[in-house]
Amino acid sequence: MERAALKTVEWMEEKHLVQGKILIVCGSGNNGGDGFAVARLLHQKHCQVTVVFVGKESSMSRECCLQAKIAHNLGISIVTELPGEEYNVIIDAVFGVGLSREISGHYEEVIRTLNARQGIKLAVDIPSGIDSKSGKVLGTAFRADATVTFQCEKAGTVLFPGTEYAGEVVAADIGIDTSIFEAQPEICYTLETEDVTRYLPQRRADSHKGSYGKVLMITGSKGMAGAAYLSAKAAYTCGAGLVQVYTHESNRVILQQLLPEAIISTYENDFAKESETLKTLLEWADVVCIGCGLGLSDMARALLEHTLVNADVPCVIDADGLNLLAKNMELLHRMKAAAVLTPHMKEMAGMLGCTVPELKTERFARMKKFVEQYPVVCVLKDSRSMVAASGKKTFLNTAGNCGMAKAGSGDVLAGVITAFLAQKMPAYESAVGGVFLHAGGGDEARRMCGSYSMLAEDLIEGIKKLLRKTEQMEGEQK
């Protein structure tokens, strides 16, 4: 608690906030204890500090009670009603990470009043009213300009809508050994830009196109050449050696023009005539990506079922492939090799048989149950995408931006993950690395184009730029 308070005040000093009139609103738990300790440190720096205690004295934790007594003995003003005057800084220390019930009554009134006040607003550890696991607003929540959180960022300030209430989030090191989290599967992790190199397949000087895998893309129904093109181009961009697109005949000419590097094989609408061709293609491939723009026709269903049952190589299943799969989930138990599923929220809800709001609130629990039930790696695409697999820690992606919310972005991600699988990376690592590289490419694309104008093809250019930067960094390190 002392270290938490010290780090909070240090951050305030860096931002030149240790001045003027400061209001600290404390609850009766340990978060309130943090607030009382912050008040003491600010008082010792000669700030005009007022503490409002809004909790119940009978419910005070031992640590909170001790910090409140110290503050009182130092002559710090402690009141139980919000003063009517204005303050330069308002600090929220009402509820911490343990809150699970909806805020109502007196507490709701306090938080709504604080939100309406002028001044810079700072939350201690997490904004009061935000569920620390899901980011859900528990009735009402403190709207902070910044949050100083301790040791590790909380999922609730990463996920929406919690992240919008947290403002700028600073994870302050208070001396907790994070290795204790490694044995706790419910604790997820994220990556930073410098981690990209850990998830990239190695390029060898003595190599050829066969060294980096043969990719089969079963993508693009009639008139859906774009999905086939974007996924195939992304696979090439991320290092795949050879890409063959198996698509509807109507897409042949445009794909040959857009991506001459790819082999184009086509089908019509009679699976009986195509089954031998598909069998040969599956024997040729080192990895399969199926579903991007595939459609929901009987032909698409037959292509999916035959592929999943007969492929001896890893498969990435995306888009329409997932919507078809939702009607016959037992196919996943009949697969012979690894599978990576890349659903967005609606597709995942369809496979789970729940609503999107239910999934948003319970995503960690539902994903955990899903990957334990089916032998897959699952990438749940959202504003904060996550990767889950049985026996693995959940990866929660914090990179990327709203400019990526465009048609085709998912096709690009499917291609990136497929490329990594083609280069013999394990399925889970391919999914984590693919999600993070895709998001980093989105951030590069926003810098080039802005979030309004970004297209899926710009994403691929962003990925190229990020990969080039990564190679340059590796060269400098050598």
Protein backbone atom coordinates (compact mmCIF):
# COMPACT_ATOMS: atom_id res chain seq x y z
CA MET A 1 0.00 0.00 0.00
CA GLU A 2 2.87 2.39 0.80
CA ARG A 3 4.54 1.61 -2.53
CA ALA A 4 1.25 1.99 -4.39
CA ALA A 5 0.68 5.41 -2.86
CA LEU A 6 4.27 6.45 -3.55
CA LYS A 7 4.07 5.45 -7.22
CA THR A 8 0.76 7.27 -7.60
CA VAL A 9 2.24 10.48 -6.22
CA GLU A 10 5.40 10.08 -8.32
CA TRP A 11 3.24 9.89 -11.46
CA MET A 12 1.32 12.96 -10.35
CA GLU A 13 4.62 14.81 -9.92
CA GLU A 14 5.70 13.83 -13.43
CA LYS A 15 2.44 15.28 -14.77
CA HIS A 16 2.74 18.42 -12.60
CA LEU A 17 -0.43 17.57 -10.68
CA VAL A 18 1.02 17.97 -7.18
CA GLN A 19 -0.32 21.45 -6.80
CA GLY A 20 -3.54 23.32 -6.17
CA LYS A 21 -6.52 21.80 -4.37
CA ILE A 22 -6.81 18.01 -4.43
CA LEU A 23 -9.87 15.96 -3.49
CA ILE A 24 -9.43 12.28 -2.63
CA VAL A 25 -12.55 10.12 -2.30
CA CYS A 26 -11.98 6.94 -0.29
CA GLY A 27 -14.00 3.81 0.32
CA SER A 28 -13.60 1.39 3.21
CA GLY A 29 -11.53 -1.30 1.50
CA ASN A 30 -7.86 -1.44 0.59
CA ASN A 31 -8.44 0.86 -2.37
CA GLY A 32 -9.58 3.44 0.17
CA GLY A 33 -6.43 2.71 2.16
CA ASP A 34 -4.39 3.54 -0.95
CA GLY A 35 -6.29 6.83 -1.13
CA PHE A 36 -5.59 7.75 2.49
CA ALA A 37 -1.88 6.96 1.97
CA VAL A 38 -1.82 9.15 -1.16
CA ALA A 39 -3.44 11.95 0.87
CA ARG A 40 -0.70 11.71 3.51
CA LEU A 41 2.10 11.89 0.94
CA LEU A 42 0.49 14.87 -0.81
CA HIS A 43 -0.08 16.59 2.54
CA GLN A 44 3.62 16.17 3.31
CA LYS A 45 4.33 17.94 0.01
CA HIS A 46 2.23 20.88 1.28
CA CYS A 47 -0.73 20.29 -1.06
CA GLN A 48 -4.23 21.39 -0.10
CA VAL A 49 -5.74 17.95 0.43
CA THR A 50 -9.30 17.09 1.35
CA VAL A 51 -10.36 13.48 1.91
CA VAL A 52 -13.99 12.42 1.63
CA PHE A 53 -14.69 9.09 3.28
CA VAL A 54 -17.78 7.62 1.60
CA GLY A 55 -17.55 4.08 2.98
CA LYS A 56 -18.79 2.51 6.19
CA GLU A 57 -16.53 2.77 9.21
CA SER A 58 -17.70 -0.65 10.42
CA SER A 59 -16.57 -2.20 7.12
CA MET A 60 -13.09 -0.69 6.96
CA SER A 61 -10.27 -3.13 6.22
CA ARG A 62 -7.46 -3.21 8.76
CA GLU A 63 -5.04 -1.48 6.37
CA CYS A 64 -7.57 1.19 5.41
CA CYS A 65 -8.34 1.88 9.08
CA LEU A 66 -4.63 2.28 9.86
CA GLN A 67 -4.03 4.68 6.96
CA ALA A 68 -7.10 6.73 7.91
CA LYS A 69 -5.85 7.10 11.50
CA ILE A 70 -2.42 8.24 10.30
CA ALA A 71 -4.04 10.82 8.00
CA HIS A 72 -6.28 12.04 10.82
CA ASN A 73 -3.34 12.34 13.25
CA LEU A 74 -1.49 14.48 10.69
CA GLY A 75 -4.39 16.93 10.61
CA ILE A 76 -5.59 16.09 7.10
CA SER A 77 -9.16 17.24 6.53
CA ILE A 78 -11.41 14.15 6.42
CA VAL A 79 -15.12 14.67 5.79
CA THR A 80 -18.06 12.42 4.92
CA GLU A 81 -19.91 14.68 2.48
CA LEU A 82 -18.63 15.96 -0.87
CA PRO A 83 -17.70 19.65 -0.54
CA GLY A 84 -19.38 22.02 -2.95
CA GLU A 85 -16.17 23.74 -4.03
CA GLU A 86 -14.10 22.90 -7.11
CA TYR A 87 -10.75 21.07 -7.12
CA ASN A 88 -7.79 20.92 -9.51
CA VAL A 89 -7.48 17.14 -9.15
CA ILE A 90 -10.07 14.54 -8.09
CA ILE A 91 -8.73 11.13 -7.07
CA ASP A 92 -11.00 8.09 -7.01
CA ALA A 93 -10.14 5.46 -4.37
CA VAL A 94 -13.64 4.20 -3.62
CA PHE A 95 -13.72 0.65 -4.99
CA GLY A 96 -10.82 -1.54 -6.11
CA VAL A 97 -10.52 -4.66 -8.25
CA GLY A 98 -12.69 -6.79 -5.97
CA LEU A 99 -15.97 -5.06 -6.87
CA SER A 100 -18.48 -7.45 -8.44
CA ARG A 101 -21.88 -5.98 -7.58
CA GLU A 102 -23.67 -3.12 -9.28
CA ILE A 103 -23.17 0.29 -7.70
CA SER A 104 -26.35 1.92 -6.41
CA GLY A 105 -27.68 4.29 -3.79
CA HIS A 106 -25.24 6.63 -2.06
CA TYR A 107 -22.19 5.32 -3.95
CA GLU A 108 -23.88 5.82 -7.31
CA GLU A 109 -24.75 9.40 -6.36
CA VAL A 110 -21.15 10.09 -5.28
CA ILE A 111 -19.63 8.78 -8.51
CA ARG A 112 -22.11 10.61 -10.72
CA THR A 113 -21.36 13.82 -8.83
CA LEU A 114 -17.60 13.33 -9.24
CA ASN A 115 -18.00 12.74 -12.97
CA ALA A 116 -19.88 16.03 -13.29
CA ARG A 117 -17.16 18.01 -11.49
CA GLN A 118 -14.40 19.96 -13.22
CA GLY A 119 -10.75 19.07 -12.69
CA ILE A 120 -8.36 16.32 -13.75
CA LYS A 121 -9.64 12.94 -12.64
CA LEU A 122 -7.32 10.15 -11.52
CA ALA A 123 -8.30 6.59 -10.57
CA VAL A 124 -6.24 4.49 -8.17
CA ASP A 125 -5.69 0.97 -9.57
CA ILE A 126 -9.03 0.85 -11.47
CA PRO A 127 -11.93 3.29 -11.94
CA SER A 128 -14.61 2.56 -9.36
CA GLY A 129 -17.52 0.76 -10.99
CA ILE A 130 -15.50 -1.12 -13.64
CA ASP A 131 -15.47 -4.90 -13.40
CA SER A 132 -11.76 -5.76 -13.28
CA LYS A 133 -12.21 -8.98 -15.29
CA SER A 134 -14.65 -8.00 -18.03
CA GLY A 135 -14.51 -4.21 -18.34
CA LYS A 136 -18.26 -4.07 -17.73
CA VAL A 137 -19.73 -0.95 -16.12
CA LEU A 138 -21.37 -2.05 -12.88
CA GLY A 139 -24.27 0.38 -12.93
CA THR A 140 -22.13 3.50 -13.06
CA ALA A 141 -18.39 4.16 -13.08
CA PHE A 142 -15.84 6.89 -12.45
CA ARG A 143 -14.62 8.48 -15.69
CA ALA A 144 -10.89 8.99 -15.24
CA ASP A 145 -8.47 10.96 -17.36
CA ALA A 146 -5.78 8.55 -16.13
CA THR A 147 -5.47 5.42 -14.01
CA VAL A 148 -2.39 4.44 -12.05
CA THR A 149 -2.67 0.68 -11.72
CA PHE A 150 -0.32 -1.53 -9.75
CA GLN A 151 2.20 -4.01 -11.16
CA CYS A 152 -0.03 -5.31 -13.96
CA GLU A 153 -2.76 -3.73 -16.02
CA LYS A 154 -6.19 -5.18 -15.29
CA ALA A 155 -8.26 -6.83 -18.02
CA GLY A 156 -11.08 -4.47 -17.09
CA THR A 157 -9.07 -1.43 -18.19
CA VAL A 158 -8.05 -3.13 -21.45
CA LEU A 159 -11.47 -4.39 -22.52
CA PHE A 160 -14.31 -2.13 -23.62
CA PRO A 161 -16.07 -0.23 -22.22
CA GLY A 162 -13.74 -0.20 -19.19
CA THR A 163 -10.82 1.15 -21.21
CA GLU A 164 -12.88 4.23 -22.11
CA TYR A 165 -13.39 4.99 -18.41
CA ALA A 166 -9.74 4.40 -17.47
CA GLY A 167 -8.15 7.03 -19.71
CA GLU A 168 -4.37 6.79 -19.88
CA VAL A 169 -3.32 3.68 -17.95
CA VAL A 170 0.07 3.51 -16.23
CA ALA A 171 1.18 0.19 -14.72
CA ALA A 172 3.38 1.08 -11.75
CA ASP A 173 5.92 -1.41 -10.43
CA ILE A 174 5.32 -1.79 -6.68
CA GLY A 175 7.62 -4.75 -6.17
CA ILE A 176 5.22 -7.66 -6.71
CA ASP A 177 6.97 -10.69 -8.23
CA THR A 178 4.91 -11.39 -11.37
CA SER A 179 6.30 -14.92 -11.67
CA ILE A 180 3.54 -15.95 -9.26
CA PHE A 181 1.08 -15.37 -12.09
CA GLU A 182 2.73 -17.90 -14.41
CA ALA A 183 1.05 -20.83 -12.66
CA GLN A 184 -2.37 -19.14 -12.74
CA PRO A 185 -4.14 -19.95 -16.02
CA GLU A 186 -6.80 -17.28 -15.45
CA ILE A 187 -4.13 -14.56 -15.70
CA CYS A 188 -3.72 -13.49 -19.32
CA TYR A 189 -0.81 -11.69 -20.95
CA THR A 190 -0.12 -9.28 -23.78
CA LEU A 191 2.85 -8.32 -25.97
CA GLU A 192 4.78 -5.16 -26.81
CA THR A 193 6.38 -4.10 -30.10
CA GLU A 194 9.80 -5.48 -29.23
CA ASP A 195 8.25 -8.94 -28.75
CA VAL A 196 7.45 -9.31 -32.47
CA THR A 197 10.77 -11.03 -33.23
CA ARG A 198 9.93 -13.88 -30.83
CA TYR A 199 6.98 -14.84 -33.01
CA LEU A 200 8.50 -14.62 -36.48
CA PRO A 201 9.65 -17.73 -38.36
CA GLN A 202 13.35 -17.71 -39.14
CA ARG A 203 14.53 -17.05 -42.71
CA ARG A 204 17.58 -19.10 -43.66
CA ALA A 205 20.23 -18.10 -46.20
CA ASP A 206 20.26 -21.62 -47.68
CA SER A 207 16.58 -21.98 -48.55
CA HIS A 208 14.05 -22.03 -51.40
CA LYS A 209 10.29 -21.58 -51.78
CA GLY A 210 9.67 -25.12 -50.58
CA SER A 211 11.41 -24.28 -47.32
CA TYR A 212 8.59 -21.95 -46.32
CA GLY A 213 5.58 -24.10 -47.00
CA LYS A 214 2.87 -24.75 -49.57
CA VAL A 215 -0.38 -23.00 -48.72
CA LEU A 216 -3.78 -24.03 -50.04
CA MET A 217 -6.41 -21.29 -49.82
CA ILE A 218 -9.95 -22.62 -50.26
CA THR A 219 -11.50 -19.19 -50.52
CA GLY A 220 -13.75 -17.01 -52.64
CA SER A 221 -17.17 -18.09 -53.87
CA LYS A 222 -18.64 -16.54 -57.01
CA GLY A 223 -18.01 -12.79 -56.95
CA MET A 224 -15.87 -12.94 -53.78
CA ALA A 225 -12.43 -12.65 -55.33
CA GLY A 226 -11.45 -9.94 -52.82
CA ALA A 227 -11.42 -12.27 -49.83
CA ALA A 228 -9.35 -14.82 -51.74
CA TYR A 229 -6.91 -12.14 -52.87
CA LEU A 230 -6.40 -10.50 -49.47
CA SER A 231 -5.83 -13.75 -47.58
CA ALA A 232 -3.43 -15.08 -50.22
CA LYS A 233 -1.47 -11.83 -50.47
CA ALA A 234 -1.18 -11.64 -46.68
CA ALA A 235 0.20 -15.20 -46.62
CA TYR A 236 2.84 -14.31 -49.18
CA THR A 237 3.65 -11.08 -47.36
CA CYS A 238 4.33 -12.99 -44.15
CA GLY A 239 6.75 -15.41 -45.71
CA ALA A 240 4.83 -18.36 -47.17
CA GLY A 241 6.79 -19.99 -49.98
CA LEU A 242 4.00 -20.98 -52.37
CA VAL A 243 0.30 -20.13 -52.33
CA GLN A 244 -2.37 -21.90 -54.35
CA VAL A 245 -5.91 -20.51 -54.34
CA TYR A 246 -8.76 -22.95 -54.93
CA THR A 247 -11.70 -20.72 -55.82
CA HIS A 248 -14.79 -20.40 -57.95
CA GLU A 249 -14.08 -20.28 -61.69
CA SER A 250 -15.51 -16.75 -61.94
CA ASN A 251 -12.60 -15.43 -59.84
CA ARG A 252 -9.79 -16.84 -61.97
CA VAL A 253 -9.02 -13.89 -64.23
CA ILE A 254 -9.11 -11.19 -61.58
CA LEU A 255 -6.93 -13.20 -59.17
CA GLN A 256 -4.38 -13.92 -61.88
CA GLN A 257 -4.20 -10.19 -62.54
CA LEU A 258 -4.12 -9.08 -58.91
CA LEU A 259 -1.72 -11.73 -57.61
CA PRO A 260 0.34 -13.33 -60.40
CA GLU A 261 2.56 -15.00 -57.77
CA ALA A 262 -0.28 -17.34 -56.79
CA ILE A 263 -1.34 -20.57 -58.45
CA ILE A 264 -5.04 -20.46 -59.30
CA SER A 265 -7.17 -23.61 -59.33
CA THR A 266 -10.92 -23.42 -59.72
CA TYR A 267 -14.14 -25.31 -59.16
CA GLU A 268 -17.71 -25.04 -60.44
CA ASN A 269 -20.75 -25.90 -58.34
CA ASP A 270 -20.81 -29.71 -58.54
CA PHE A 271 -18.79 -31.25 -55.70
CA ALA A 272 -19.04 -34.75 -57.16
CA LYS A 273 -16.88 -33.56 -60.06
CA GLU A 274 -14.45 -31.75 -57.78
CA SER A 275 -13.77 -34.25 -54.99
CA GLU A 276 -10.75 -35.84 -56.67
CA THR A 277 -9.26 -32.43 -57.42
CA LEU A 278 -9.68 -31.37 -53.81
CA LYS A 279 -8.15 -34.64 -52.60
CA THR A 280 -5.06 -33.99 -54.75
CA LEU A 281 -4.77 -30.41 -53.53
CA LEU A 282 -4.99 -31.49 -49.87
CA GLU A 283 -2.19 -34.02 -50.45
CA TRP A 284 -0.07 -31.23 -51.98
CA ALA A 285 -0.57 -28.67 -49.20
CA ASP A 286 1.43 -28.11 -46.00
CA VAL A 287 -1.38 -25.99 -44.53
CA VAL A 288 -4.94 -25.09 -45.52
CA CYS A 289 -6.91 -21.88 -45.03
CA ILE A 290 -10.63 -22.30 -45.67
CA GLY A 291 -13.62 -20.02 -45.41
CA CYS A 292 -12.70 -16.49 -46.52
CA GLY A 293 -15.55 -15.45 -48.82
CA LEU A 294 -16.50 -19.11 -49.28
CA GLY A 295 -20.24 -18.58 -49.01
CA LEU A 296 -22.86 -20.79 -47.39
CA SER A 297 -23.94 -22.88 -50.38
CA ASP A 298 -24.13 -26.66 -50.52
CA MET A 299 -20.86 -26.57 -52.46
CA ALA A 300 -19.18 -24.56 -49.71
CA ARG A 301 -20.49 -26.98 -47.07
CA ALA A 302 -19.16 -29.97 -49.02
CA LEU A 303 -15.75 -28.31 -49.47
CA LEU A 304 -15.53 -27.60 -45.74
CA GLU A 305 -16.60 -31.04 -44.57
CA HIS A 306 -14.31 -32.88 -46.99
CA THR A 307 -11.37 -30.67 -46.04
CA LEU A 308 -11.75 -30.95 -42.29
CA VAL A 309 -12.23 -34.71 -42.35
CA ASN A 310 -9.47 -35.53 -44.84
CA ALA A 311 -6.69 -32.94 -44.39
CA ASP A 312 -3.55 -34.29 -42.74
CA VAL A 313 -2.15 -30.78 -42.30
CA PRO A 314 -3.08 -27.81 -40.07
CA CYS A 315 -6.17 -25.82 -41.05
CA VAL A 316 -7.16 -22.21 -40.45
CA ILE A 317 -10.96 -21.86 -40.49
CA ASP A 318 -12.38 -18.37 -41.00
CA ALA A 319 -15.53 -16.46 -41.91
CA ASP A 320 -18.12 -18.55 -43.80
CA GLY A 321 -16.20 -21.67 -42.84
CA LEU A 322 -17.09 -20.90 -39.22
CA ASN A 323 -20.75 -20.23 -39.98
CA LEU A 324 -20.97 -23.60 -41.71
CA LEU A 325 -19.03 -25.25 -38.90
CA ALA A 326 -21.51 -23.93 -36.32
CA LYS A 327 -24.10 -26.31 -37.83
CA ASN A 328 -21.82 -29.35 -37.47
CA MET A 329 -19.34 -28.78 -34.63
CA GLU A 330 -18.51 -32.50 -34.40
CA LEU A 331 -16.32 -32.02 -37.48
CA LEU A 332 -13.68 -30.61 -35.14
CA HIS A 333 -13.40 -33.97 -33.37
CA ARG A 334 -12.83 -35.70 -36.72
CA MET A 335 -9.89 -33.54 -37.77
CA LYS A 336 -6.49 -35.20 -38.05
CA ALA A 337 -4.26 -32.14 -37.51
CA ALA A 338 -4.22 -28.81 -35.68
CA ALA A 339 -6.99 -26.30 -36.28
CA VAL A 340 -6.98 -22.54 -35.73
CA LEU A 341 -10.40 -20.88 -35.66
CA THR A 342 -10.64 -17.12 -36.22
CA PRO A 343 -14.22 -16.05 -35.39
CA HIS A 344 -15.44 -12.54 -34.72
CA MET A 345 -17.90 -12.09 -31.87
CA LYS A 346 -21.03 -12.97 -33.85
CA GLU A 347 -19.46 -16.07 -35.40
CA MET A 348 -18.22 -17.20 -31.99
CA ALA A 349 -21.65 -16.66 -30.45
CA GLY A 350 -23.09 -18.82 -33.22
CA MET A 351 -20.72 -21.67 -32.39
CA LEU A 352 -21.39 -21.33 -28.66
CA GLY A 353 -25.15 -20.92 -28.97
CA CYS A 354 -25.23 -17.69 -26.95
CA THR A 355 -25.80 -14.01 -27.62
CA VAL A 356 -23.03 -11.51 -28.39
CA PRO A 357 -23.69 -9.53 -25.15
CA GLU A 358 -23.39 -12.75 -23.14
CA LEU A 359 -20.12 -13.56 -24.87
CA LYS A 360 -18.73 -10.08 -24.29
CA THR A 361 -19.42 -10.31 -20.57
CA GLU A 362 -18.18 -13.88 -20.12
CA ARG A 363 -15.58 -14.17 -22.88
CA PHE A 364 -12.79 -15.67 -20.76
CA ALA A 365 -14.93 -18.37 -19.17
CA ARG A 366 -16.70 -19.27 -22.39
CA MET A 367 -13.48 -19.40 -24.42
CA LYS A 368 -11.84 -21.58 -21.77
CA LYS A 369 -14.72 -24.03 -21.87
CA PHE A 370 -14.74 -24.02 -25.69
CA VAL A 371 -11.05 -24.91 -26.14
CA GLU A 372 -11.35 -27.60 -23.49
CA GLN A 373 -14.29 -29.10 -25.36
CA TYR A 374 -12.74 -28.92 -28.84
CA PRO A 375 -9.08 -29.56 -29.81
CA VAL A 376 -8.49 -26.15 -31.39
CA VAL A 377 -6.70 -22.85 -31.00
CA CYS A 378 -9.32 -20.11 -31.02
CA VAL A 379 -8.73 -16.48 -32.00
CA LEU A 380 -11.68 -14.38 -30.84
CA LYS A 381 -11.59 -11.22 -32.95
CA ASP A 382 -12.83 -8.03 -31.31
CA SER A 383 -11.58 -4.54 -30.50
CA ARG A 384 -9.40 -6.49 -28.06
CA SER A 385 -8.75 -9.85 -29.72
CA MET A 386 -7.74 -12.87 -27.66
CA VAL A 387 -6.16 -16.26 -28.33
CA ALA A 388 -7.07 -19.31 -26.27
CA ALA A 389 -5.97 -22.95 -26.32
CA SER A 390 -6.24 -25.78 -23.82
CA GLY A 391 -3.27 -25.81 -21.45
CA LYS A 392 -2.06 -22.37 -22.62
CA LYS A 393 -2.34 -18.95 -21.04
CA THR A 394 -4.79 -16.63 -22.79
CA PHE A 395 -3.24 -13.91 -24.94
CA LEU A 396 -5.10 -10.57 -24.88
CA ASN A 397 -4.05 -8.22 -27.65
CA THR A 398 -3.77 -4.51 -26.85
CA ALA A 399 -2.32 -3.33 -30.19
CA GLY A 400 -4.37 -2.24 -33.22
CA ASN A 401 -6.96 0.48 -33.75
CA CYS A 402 -10.44 1.34 -34.98
CA GLY A 403 -9.22 1.87 -38.55
CA MET A 404 -9.00 -1.91 -38.83
CA ALA A 405 -12.78 -2.17 -38.57
CA LYS A 406 -13.14 -2.60 -42.33
CA ALA A 407 -14.19 -5.42 -44.62
CA GLY A 408 -11.23 -7.66 -45.47
CA SER A 409 -9.27 -7.19 -42.23
CA GLY A 410 -10.21 -10.68 -41.08
CA ASP A 411 -9.11 -12.18 -44.40
CA VAL A 412 -5.71 -10.59 -43.91
CA LEU A 413 -5.41 -12.07 -40.41
CA ALA A 414 -6.31 -15.54 -41.68
CA GLY A 415 -3.55 -15.23 -44.27
CA VAL A 416 -0.97 -14.12 -41.70
CA ILE A 417 -1.68 -17.03 -39.35
CA THR A 418 -1.67 -19.46 -42.29
CA ALA A 419 1.76 -18.22 -43.38
CA PHE A 420 3.20 -18.84 -39.93
CA LEU A 421 1.76 -22.36 -39.86
CA ALA A 422 3.24 -23.00 -43.31
CA GLN A 423 6.66 -22.13 -41.88
CA LYS A 424 6.29 -24.86 -39.22
CA MET A 425 5.38 -22.66 -36.28
CA PRO A 426 3.10 -24.40 -33.74
CA ALA A 427 -0.60 -23.53 -33.95
CA TYR A 428 -0.84 -21.52 -30.73
CA GLU A 429 2.32 -19.50 -31.44
CA SER A 430 1.15 -18.92 -35.03
CA ALA A 431 -2.14 -17.53 -33.75
CA VAL A 432 -0.57 -15.27 -31.10
CA GLY A 433 2.14 -14.02 -33.44
CA GLY A 434 -0.35 -13.56 -36.26
CA VAL A 435 -2.79 -11.54 -34.17
CA PHE A 436 -0.04 -9.30 -32.82
CA LEU A 437 1.66 -8.74 -36.19
CA HIS A 438 -1.70 -8.04 -37.82
CA ALA A 439 -2.53 -5.45 -35.12
CA GLY A 440 0.92 -3.88 -35.34
CA GLY A 441 0.49 -3.65 -39.09
CA GLY A 442 -2.81 -1.88 -38.44
CA ASP A 443 -1.05 0.69 -36.29
CA GLU A 444 1.52 1.25 -39.04
CA ALA A 445 -1.30 1.62 -41.57
CA ARG A 446 -3.06 4.21 -39.43
CA ARG A 447 0.13 6.24 -39.33
CA MET A 448 0.27 6.09 -43.13
CA CYS A 449 -3.42 6.56 -43.97
CA GLY A 450 -5.34 7.64 -40.90
CA SER A 451 -8.06 5.56 -39.30
CA TYR A 452 -10.86 6.71 -41.62
CA SER A 453 -9.13 5.91 -44.90
CA MET A 454 -7.43 2.61 -44.06
CA LEU A 455 -8.35 -0.34 -46.26
CA ALA A 456 -7.53 -4.00 -45.74
CA GLU A 457 -4.84 -3.77 -48.40
CA ASP A 458 -3.24 -0.93 -46.42
CA LEU A 459 -3.07 -3.36 -43.52
CA ILE A 460 -0.84 -5.59 -45.62
CA GLU A 461 1.38 -2.61 -46.41
CA GLY A 462 1.52 -1.83 -42.69
CA ILE A 463 2.58 -5.41 -41.98
CA LYS A 464 5.31 -5.10 -44.60
CA LYS A 465 6.56 -1.93 -42.95
CA LEU A 466 6.57 -3.50 -39.48
CA LEU A 467 8.40 -6.59 -40.74
CA ARG A 468 11.00 -4.39 -42.41
CA LYS A 469 11.53 -2.45 -39.18
CA THR A 470 11.88 -5.73 -37.29
CA GLU A 471 14.54 -7.01 -39.70
CA GLN A 472 16.43 -3.75 -39.36
CA MET A 473 16.34 -4.00 -35.57
CA GLU A 474 17.62 -7.57 -35.72
CA GLY A 475 20.42 -6.49 -38.05
CA GLU A 476 21.46 -3.71 -35.68
CA GLN A 477 21.50 -6.12 -32.74
CA LYS A 478 23.78 -8.47 -34.67
